[in-house]
Amino acid sequence: MDDKPILYKCFICNSQFQFGPHAYNGRAVNAWDIMVCTTCYNANHDGIVPATHQRLLDHLRSKGIEPKLNASGWIDWPR
């Protein structure tokens, strides 16, 4: 069995994180077709500020996804 780490680049911060085997330091956001590191996901638990993440807005729009904003005007993670 090959235990070589599987690395992904976080869509939010562009850092690499391990996503298997034995360590899963991020998550797939399937509804948006992206991978994010645990740090970015947790740091934005109450929403993503659109003004600071234009790349995410562009990506979502290219996929025909209208981001859902919460009461603070931030983008909620999909459920």
N, C-alpha and C. Protein backbone atom coordinates (compact mmCIF):
# COMPACT_ATOMS: atom_id res chain seq x y z
N MET A 1 0.83 -1.18 0.00
CA MET A 1 0.00 0.00 0.00
C MET A 1 0.88 1.24 0.00
N ASP A 2 0.53 2.20 -0.85
CA ASP A 2 1.31 3.42 -0.98
C ASP A 2 0.76 4.47 -0.01
N ASP A 3 1.60 4.90 0.93
CA ASP A 3 1.18 5.90 1.91
C ASP A 3 1.67 7.30 1.55
N LYS A 4 1.97 7.51 0.28
CA LYS A 4 2.42 8.82 -0.16
C LYS A 4 1.29 9.83 0.03
N PRO A 5 1.58 10.99 0.65
CA PRO A 5 0.54 11.98 0.90
C PRO A 5 -0.09 12.48 -0.41
N ILE A 6 -1.38 12.70 -0.35
CA ILE A 6 -2.10 13.30 -1.47
C ILE A 6 -2.27 14.77 -1.12
N LEU A 7 -1.73 15.64 -1.96
CA LEU A 7 -1.74 17.07 -1.68
C LEU A 7 -2.69 17.80 -2.62
N TYR A 8 -3.39 18.77 -2.06
CA TYR A 8 -4.27 19.65 -2.83
C TYR A 8 -3.89 21.08 -2.51
N LYS A 9 -4.26 21.98 -3.39
CA LYS A 9 -4.06 23.40 -3.16
C LYS A 9 -5.38 24.00 -2.69
N CYS A 10 -5.35 24.73 -1.60
CA CYS A 10 -6.53 25.39 -1.08
C CYS A 10 -6.97 26.48 -2.05
N PHE A 11 -8.24 26.46 -2.42
CA PHE A 11 -8.77 27.45 -3.35
C PHE A 11 -8.75 28.85 -2.74
N ILE A 12 -8.87 28.95 -1.43
CA ILE A 12 -8.94 30.26 -0.76
C ILE A 12 -7.55 30.87 -0.56
N CYS A 13 -6.62 30.13 0.02
CA CYS A 13 -5.31 30.70 0.37
C CYS A 13 -4.15 30.22 -0.52
N ASN A 14 -4.42 29.27 -1.39
CA ASN A 14 -3.41 28.71 -2.30
C ASN A 14 -2.32 27.89 -1.64
N SER A 15 -2.44 27.59 -0.35
CA SER A 15 -1.43 26.74 0.28
C SER A 15 -1.78 25.28 0.03
N GLN A 16 -0.76 24.42 0.10
CA GLN A 16 -1.00 22.99 -0.08
C GLN A 16 -1.38 22.36 1.26
N PHE A 17 -2.25 21.38 1.18
CA PHE A 17 -2.61 20.63 2.37
C PHE A 17 -2.78 19.16 2.01
N GLN A 18 -2.55 18.32 3.01
CA GLN A 18 -2.67 16.88 2.81
C GLN A 18 -4.12 16.46 2.95
N PHE A 19 -4.55 15.61 2.00
CA PHE A 19 -5.91 15.08 2.03
C PHE A 19 -5.84 13.58 1.77
N GLY A 20 -5.19 12.89 2.69
CA GLY A 20 -5.07 11.45 2.63
C GLY A 20 -3.65 11.04 2.30
N PRO A 21 -3.31 9.82 2.55
CA PRO A 21 -3.95 8.96 3.53
C PRO A 21 -3.55 9.37 4.94
N HIS A 22 -4.33 8.99 5.90
CA HIS A 22 -4.09 9.14 7.34
C HIS A 22 -4.25 10.56 7.87
N ALA A 23 -4.23 11.57 7.02
CA ALA A 23 -4.41 12.95 7.46
C ALA A 23 -5.29 13.67 6.44
N TYR A 24 -6.32 14.30 6.94
CA TYR A 24 -7.26 15.02 6.07
C TYR A 24 -7.38 16.43 6.60
N ASN A 25 -6.52 17.30 6.06
CA ASN A 25 -6.38 18.67 6.57
C ASN A 25 -7.15 19.67 5.72
N GLY A 26 -8.26 19.24 5.19
CA GLY A 26 -9.10 20.12 4.38
C GLY A 26 -10.39 19.40 4.06
N ARG A 27 -11.11 19.95 3.12
CA ARG A 27 -12.37 19.33 2.72
C ARG A 27 -12.73 19.73 1.31
N ALA A 28 -13.50 18.86 0.68
CA ALA A 28 -14.04 19.16 -0.64
C ALA A 28 -15.33 19.94 -0.44
N VAL A 29 -15.49 21.00 -1.19
CA VAL A 29 -16.76 21.73 -1.22
C VAL A 29 -17.35 21.38 -2.59
N ASN A 30 -18.00 20.24 -2.62
CA ASN A 30 -18.48 19.68 -3.89
C ASN A 30 -19.43 20.60 -4.63
N ALA A 31 -20.27 21.30 -3.92
CA ALA A 31 -21.24 22.20 -4.57
C ALA A 31 -20.54 23.31 -5.35
N TRP A 32 -19.34 23.65 -4.94
CA TRP A 32 -18.58 24.70 -5.62
C TRP A 32 -17.43 24.15 -6.46
N ASP A 33 -17.20 22.84 -6.40
CA ASP A 33 -16.12 22.19 -7.13
C ASP A 33 -14.75 22.74 -6.74
N ILE A 34 -14.52 22.86 -5.42
CA ILE A 34 -13.23 23.34 -4.91
C ILE A 34 -12.81 22.50 -3.71
N MET A 35 -11.53 22.63 -3.36
CA MET A 35 -10.98 22.05 -2.14
C MET A 35 -10.47 23.22 -1.30
N VAL A 36 -10.70 23.15 0.02
CA VAL A 36 -10.21 24.19 0.93
C VAL A 36 -9.53 23.53 2.12
N CYS A 37 -8.52 24.21 2.64
CA CYS A 37 -7.83 23.69 3.82
C CYS A 37 -8.70 23.93 5.06
N THR A 38 -8.44 23.16 6.08
CA THR A 38 -9.19 23.27 7.32
C THR A 38 -9.04 24.65 7.94
N THR A 39 -7.87 25.24 7.83
CA THR A 39 -7.64 26.57 8.40
C THR A 39 -8.57 27.60 7.77
N CYS A 40 -8.66 27.60 6.44
CA CYS A 40 -9.54 28.57 5.76
C CYS A 40 -11.01 28.29 6.05
N TYR A 41 -11.37 27.03 6.08
CA TYR A 41 -12.76 26.70 6.35
C TYR A 41 -13.16 27.17 7.75
N ASN A 42 -12.32 26.87 8.72
CA ASN A 42 -12.63 27.25 10.10
C ASN A 42 -12.55 28.77 10.31
N ALA A 43 -11.59 29.42 9.67
CA ALA A 43 -11.44 30.87 9.82
C ALA A 43 -12.61 31.63 9.20
N ASN A 44 -13.32 30.99 8.28
CA ASN A 44 -14.46 31.62 7.61
C ASN A 44 -15.77 30.91 7.95
N HIS A 45 -15.83 30.35 9.15
CA HIS A 45 -17.01 29.58 9.56
C HIS A 45 -18.29 30.40 9.52
N ASP A 46 -18.17 31.71 9.71
CA ASP A 46 -19.35 32.57 9.73
C ASP A 46 -19.60 33.24 8.37
N GLY A 47 -18.85 32.83 7.35
CA GLY A 47 -19.03 33.34 6.00
C GLY A 47 -17.74 33.88 5.42
N ILE A 48 -17.73 33.98 4.11
CA ILE A 48 -16.56 34.45 3.38
C ILE A 48 -16.85 35.87 2.89
N VAL A 49 -15.96 36.80 3.20
CA VAL A 49 -16.15 38.19 2.80
C VAL A 49 -15.92 38.30 1.29
N PRO A 50 -16.97 38.62 0.54
CA PRO A 50 -16.83 38.65 -0.93
C PRO A 50 -15.76 39.61 -1.43
N ALA A 51 -15.63 40.76 -0.79
CA ALA A 51 -14.68 41.77 -1.26
C ALA A 51 -13.23 41.29 -1.22
N THR A 52 -12.93 40.33 -0.37
CA THR A 52 -11.56 39.86 -0.25
C THR A 52 -11.31 38.56 -1.02
N HIS A 53 -12.34 38.04 -1.68
CA HIS A 53 -12.19 36.77 -2.39
C HIS A 53 -12.83 36.83 -3.78
N GLN A 54 -12.35 37.78 -4.58
CA GLN A 54 -12.87 37.96 -5.93
C GLN A 54 -12.69 36.69 -6.78
N ARG A 55 -11.59 36.00 -6.57
CA ARG A 55 -11.35 34.77 -7.33
C ARG A 55 -12.46 33.75 -7.08
N LEU A 56 -12.93 33.64 -5.85
CA LEU A 56 -14.03 32.73 -5.54
C LEU A 56 -15.30 33.19 -6.24
N LEU A 57 -15.59 34.48 -6.18
CA LEU A 57 -16.78 35.00 -6.87
C LEU A 57 -16.73 34.70 -8.36
N ASP A 58 -15.57 34.92 -8.97
CA ASP A 58 -15.42 34.65 -10.41
C ASP A 58 -15.62 33.16 -10.70
N HIS A 59 -15.07 32.31 -9.85
CA HIS A 59 -15.22 30.86 -10.03
C HIS A 59 -16.68 30.45 -9.94
N LEU A 60 -17.36 30.95 -8.91
CA LEU A 60 -18.77 30.58 -8.74
C LEU A 60 -19.60 31.06 -9.92
N ARG A 61 -19.37 32.26 -10.36
CA ARG A 61 -20.14 32.78 -11.50
C ARG A 61 -19.85 32.00 -12.77
N SER A 62 -18.60 31.55 -12.94
CA SER A 62 -18.25 30.77 -14.13
C SER A 62 -18.97 29.42 -14.13
N LYS A 63 -19.36 28.96 -12.95
CA LYS A 63 -20.09 27.70 -12.81
C LYS A 63 -21.60 27.93 -12.78
N GLY A 64 -22.02 29.18 -12.91
CA GLY A 64 -23.44 29.49 -12.87
C GLY A 64 -24.03 29.43 -11.48
N ILE A 65 -23.18 29.62 -10.46
CA ILE A 65 -23.62 29.55 -9.07
C ILE A 65 -23.74 30.98 -8.52
N GLU A 66 -24.91 31.30 -8.02
CA GLU A 66 -25.10 32.60 -7.37
C GLU A 66 -24.84 32.40 -5.88
N PRO A 67 -23.79 33.05 -5.34
CA PRO A 67 -23.47 32.84 -3.92
C PRO A 67 -24.60 33.34 -3.02
N LYS A 68 -24.89 32.58 -1.97
CA LYS A 68 -25.89 32.96 -0.99
C LYS A 68 -25.22 33.79 0.11
N LEU A 69 -25.74 34.98 0.32
CA LEU A 69 -25.18 35.87 1.34
C LEU A 69 -25.98 35.75 2.63
N ASN A 70 -25.27 35.82 3.74
CA ASN A 70 -25.94 35.79 5.03
C ASN A 70 -26.29 37.22 5.48
N ALA A 71 -26.77 37.37 6.70
CA ALA A 71 -27.19 38.68 7.20
C ALA A 71 -26.04 39.69 7.25
N SER A 72 -24.80 39.20 7.34
CA SER A 72 -23.63 40.09 7.35
C SER A 72 -23.18 40.47 5.95
N GLY A 73 -23.80 39.86 4.93
CA GLY A 73 -23.40 40.13 3.55
C GLY A 73 -22.24 39.26 3.10
N TRP A 74 -21.97 38.21 3.85
CA TRP A 74 -20.88 37.30 3.53
C TRP A 74 -21.43 36.05 2.88
N ILE A 75 -20.58 35.36 2.14
CA ILE A 75 -20.98 34.14 1.44
C ILE A 75 -20.99 32.97 2.41
N ASP A 76 -22.13 32.32 2.52
CA ASP A 76 -22.22 31.13 3.37
C ASP A 76 -21.67 29.92 2.63
N TRP A 77 -21.00 29.05 3.38
CA TRP A 77 -20.57 27.76 2.81
C TRP A 77 -21.83 26.96 2.47
N PRO A 78 -21.79 26.22 1.38
CA PRO A 78 -22.95 25.38 1.08
C PRO A 78 -23.09 24.25 2.09
N ARG A 79 -24.30 23.80 2.29
CA ARG A 79 -24.55 22.71 3.25
C ARG A 79 -24.64 21.40 2.52
